[in-house]
Amino acid sequence: MTIVYIDTEHHRVLEHAELSPSHHAKIEMVRDRLASASGQPCEVRHFTAVSPTYIEQRAPLALVIGGNLTNWAEFDDADLVGLFATIRTASVPILGICAGHQLIGRAHGAAWGPLGTLQRGEVDPDPEFGPGQRKERGFMPVEVNSRCPIFRDVAPISVMFQHHYWHLEEVPAGFVVQARSQRSPMISRSRSASRI
């Protein structure tokens, strides 16, 4: 049995002479951490190579969908079709981290978008990432539901690293909010306790 980590980075980054090496190093670190935490091997698959048929054939224990640094406007919707179908039909637990969380919500019909543009006087904590956009960047408080199994050992208000300027604007039907931050009130959700 394996864990499948789905890399959601855009080909532009994967093919970039300077960005690609650091991205691949990050992916290897995540793969090693997931394997260590789960006690199972972890394989990495790019989101364009994921489909319900692939997941059915591999029969992993779980899917983990990671984040990316690319604006969603740069993605071709056709490239996301297989991943969205996988998210909707997989019979194994799915954990979405950052963009992965947004993709799960989007696959289930939720609207997504940027947190908004910076207003006069607001400081941009990372001007190279989503220039001019309001963002949550750095170690910031997140309110979690400690009764949710995924947050069982996490304090109700925990400081976690955040790095995003997009979020889900609504909760998909059948999902419940399990955590929230100041600017992203629906940051984490689960379909039901049995899906976690």
Protein backbone atom coordinates (compact mmCIF):
# COMPACT_ATOMS: atom_id res chain seq x y z
CA MET A 1 0.00 0.00 0.00
CA THR A 2 1.13 3.53 -0.72
CA ILE A 3 0.25 7.14 -0.13
CA VAL A 4 -0.07 9.14 -3.36
CA TYR A 5 1.09 12.74 -3.15
CA ILE A 6 -0.32 14.85 -5.98
CA ASP A 7 1.96 17.66 -7.11
CA THR A 8 -0.18 20.59 -8.28
CA GLU A 9 2.56 22.87 -9.55
CA HIS A 10 2.28 24.38 -13.03
CA HIS A 11 4.56 23.16 -15.81
CA ARG A 12 5.97 26.70 -16.00
CA VAL A 13 7.62 26.16 -12.61
CA LEU A 14 8.60 22.54 -13.32
CA GLU A 15 10.43 23.63 -16.48
CA HIS A 16 11.98 26.83 -15.04
CA ALA A 17 15.78 26.65 -14.72
CA GLU A 18 15.87 28.38 -11.32
CA LEU A 19 12.53 27.35 -9.77
CA SER A 20 12.49 23.69 -10.77
CA PRO A 21 15.38 22.43 -8.56
CA SER A 22 13.95 23.98 -5.39
CA HIS A 23 10.47 22.69 -6.24
CA HIS A 24 11.75 19.15 -6.75
CA ALA A 25 13.74 19.33 -3.49
CA LYS A 26 10.57 20.44 -1.66
CA ILE A 27 8.57 17.59 -3.21
CA GLU A 28 11.19 15.04 -2.12
CA MET A 29 11.08 16.43 1.43
CA VAL A 30 7.28 16.20 1.50
CA ARG A 31 7.38 12.66 0.10
CA ASP A 32 9.86 11.59 2.80
CA ARG A 33 7.78 13.21 5.56
CA LEU A 34 4.57 11.55 4.38
CA ALA A 35 6.29 8.16 4.17
CA SER A 36 7.76 8.59 7.64
CA ALA A 37 4.48 9.77 9.20
CA SER A 38 2.39 7.03 7.58
CA GLY A 39 4.89 4.18 7.73
CA GLN A 40 4.05 3.54 4.08
CA PRO A 41 5.87 4.34 0.85
CA CYS A 42 4.79 7.57 -0.82
CA GLU A 43 4.77 8.07 -4.55
CA VAL A 44 4.52 11.45 -6.24
CA ARG A 45 2.29 12.01 -9.23
CA HIS A 46 1.76 15.25 -11.16
CA PHE A 47 -1.88 16.37 -11.20
CA THR A 48 -2.07 16.04 -14.99
CA ALA A 49 -1.24 12.31 -14.67
CA VAL A 50 -3.96 11.54 -12.12
CA SER A 51 -7.29 9.98 -13.03
CA PRO A 52 -9.91 7.79 -11.34
CA THR A 53 -8.55 4.81 -13.34
CA TYR A 54 -5.00 5.45 -12.10
CA ILE A 55 -6.16 5.65 -8.47
CA GLU A 56 -8.28 2.51 -8.86
CA GLN A 57 -5.29 0.60 -10.27
CA ARG A 58 -2.84 1.85 -7.60
CA ALA A 59 -5.32 1.42 -4.71
CA PRO A 60 -3.46 3.78 -2.34
CA LEU A 61 -4.27 4.17 1.35
CA ALA A 62 -4.81 7.90 0.88
CA LEU A 63 -4.28 10.85 -1.42
CA VAL A 64 -2.53 14.06 -0.38
CA ILE A 65 -2.96 17.01 -2.73
CA GLY A 66 -0.28 19.65 -2.25
CA GLY A 67 0.04 23.34 -2.94
CA ASN A 68 1.64 25.46 -5.62
CA LEU A 69 2.98 28.94 -6.27
CA THR A 70 1.16 29.63 -9.53
CA ASN A 71 -1.93 31.80 -9.97
CA TRP A 72 -4.95 29.68 -10.94
CA ALA A 73 -5.50 31.97 -13.96
CA GLU A 74 -2.39 30.41 -15.56
CA PHE A 75 -3.84 26.88 -15.47
CA ASP A 76 -5.76 25.34 -18.35
CA ASP A 77 -9.08 24.05 -16.99
CA ALA A 78 -8.79 21.01 -19.28
CA ASP A 79 -5.66 19.94 -17.36
CA LEU A 80 -7.67 19.79 -14.11
CA VAL A 81 -10.47 17.52 -15.40
CA GLY A 82 -8.80 14.24 -14.37
CA LEU A 83 -7.88 15.55 -10.93
CA PHE A 84 -11.40 16.89 -10.31
CA ALA A 85 -12.90 13.53 -11.33
CA THR A 86 -10.45 11.77 -9.02
CA ILE A 87 -11.37 14.02 -6.10
CA ARG A 88 -15.08 13.41 -6.65
CA THR A 89 -14.83 9.62 -7.03
CA ALA A 90 -11.88 8.39 -4.95
CA SER A 91 -12.86 5.86 -2.31
CA VAL A 92 -9.87 6.67 -0.10
CA PRO A 93 -9.27 9.58 2.31
CA ILE A 94 -8.03 12.80 0.69
CA LEU A 95 -6.08 15.52 2.46
CA GLY A 96 -5.76 18.84 0.67
CA ILE A 97 -2.96 21.18 1.70
CA CYS A 98 -3.17 24.82 0.58
CA ALA A 99 -4.04 24.66 -3.13
CA GLY A 100 -5.05 21.02 -2.59
CA HIS A 101 -7.75 22.20 -0.19
CA GLN A 102 -8.96 24.72 -2.77
CA LEU A 103 -9.02 22.04 -5.48
CA ILE A 104 -11.14 19.72 -3.31
CA GLY A 105 -13.66 22.50 -2.74
CA ARG A 106 -13.67 23.49 -6.40
CA ALA A 107 -14.15 19.88 -7.51
CA HIS A 108 -17.28 19.81 -5.36
CA GLY A 109 -18.70 23.02 -6.79
CA ALA A 110 -17.44 25.71 -4.40
CA ALA A 111 -16.53 29.15 -5.72
CA TRP A 112 -12.93 30.22 -5.24
CA GLY A 113 -11.05 33.45 -5.68
CA PRO A 114 -8.44 35.81 -4.28
CA LEU A 115 -8.75 37.29 -0.81
CA GLY A 116 -8.98 40.69 -2.50
CA THR A 117 -6.69 43.51 -3.51
CA LEU A 118 -4.59 45.38 -1.01
CA GLN A 119 -6.19 48.56 0.22
CA ARG A 120 -4.38 51.85 0.75
CA GLY A 121 -2.06 51.52 3.74
CA GLU A 122 -2.03 47.71 3.81
CA VAL A 123 1.43 46.17 3.77
CA ASP A 124 2.16 43.36 1.32
CA PRO A 125 4.04 40.63 3.26
CA ASP A 126 5.37 39.04 0.03
CA PRO A 127 5.25 41.39 -2.99
CA GLU A 128 6.66 38.75 -5.39
CA PHE A 129 3.82 36.31 -4.62
CA GLY A 130 0.49 37.57 -5.94
CA PRO A 131 1.60 41.21 -6.28
CA GLY A 132 -1.00 43.65 -5.00
CA GLN A 133 -3.17 40.90 -3.50
CA ARG A 134 -4.23 40.64 0.11
CA LYS A 135 -2.71 37.47 1.60
CA GLU A 136 -2.14 35.44 4.69
CA ARG A 137 1.62 35.00 4.90
CA GLY A 138 3.64 33.81 7.87
CA PHE A 139 2.86 32.20 11.21
CA MET A 140 -0.69 33.20 12.03
CA PRO A 141 -3.49 31.97 14.32
CA VAL A 142 -5.96 29.39 13.04
CA GLU A 143 -9.08 28.38 14.96
CA VAL A 144 -9.70 24.62 14.73
CA ASN A 145 -12.39 22.21 15.85
CA SER A 146 -10.44 20.00 18.28
CA ARG A 147 -13.19 17.36 18.08
CA CYS A 148 -12.37 16.78 14.40
CA PRO A 149 -10.10 13.69 14.18
CA ILE A 150 -7.55 15.44 11.99
CA PHE A 151 -7.10 18.17 14.63
CA ARG A 152 -7.36 15.85 17.66
CA ASP A 153 -4.02 16.91 19.20
CA VAL A 154 -4.13 20.53 18.06
CA ALA A 155 -5.01 23.43 20.36
CA PRO A 156 -8.30 25.23 19.55
CA ILE A 157 -6.32 28.33 18.57
CA SER A 158 -3.01 27.32 16.98
CA VAL A 159 -0.35 29.29 15.19
CA MET A 160 0.35 27.75 11.78
CA PHE A 161 2.35 28.80 8.75
CA GLN A 162 0.18 30.19 5.96
CA HIS A 163 1.12 31.32 2.46
CA HIS A 164 -1.87 32.00 0.23
CA TYR A 165 -3.89 34.72 -1.45
CA TRP A 166 -6.69 32.52 -2.86
CA HIS A 167 -9.35 30.75 -0.83
CA LEU A 168 -12.68 29.02 -1.11
CA GLU A 169 -15.50 31.53 -0.94
CA GLU A 170 -18.11 29.02 0.19
CA VAL A 171 -18.50 25.59 1.73
CA PRO A 172 -19.42 22.88 -0.80
CA ALA A 173 -22.70 21.05 -0.16
CA GLY A 174 -22.23 18.19 2.30
CA PHE A 175 -19.02 19.64 3.80
CA VAL A 176 -18.53 21.29 7.19
CA VAL A 177 -15.99 23.90 8.30
CA GLN A 178 -13.40 22.43 10.68
CA ALA A 179 -10.97 25.38 10.85
CA ARG A 180 -10.84 29.03 9.98
CA SER A 181 -8.43 31.93 9.88
CA GLN A 182 -9.03 35.66 10.01
CA ARG A 183 -9.15 36.21 6.25
CA SER A 184 -10.09 32.72 5.16
CA PRO A 185 -13.01 31.69 7.34
CA MET A 186 -13.42 28.32 5.60
CA ILE A 187 -9.78 27.21 5.47
CA SER A 188 -10.35 23.49 6.17
CA ARG A 189 -13.36 21.27 5.86
CA SER A 190 -14.21 17.61 5.81
CA ARG A 191 -17.04 15.77 4.08
CA SER A 192 -17.84 13.88 7.27
CA ALA A 193 -15.94 12.27 10.10
CA SER A 194 -15.96 8.98 8.16
CA ARG A 195 -14.07 10.61 5.26
CA ILE A 196 -11.18 11.87 7.39
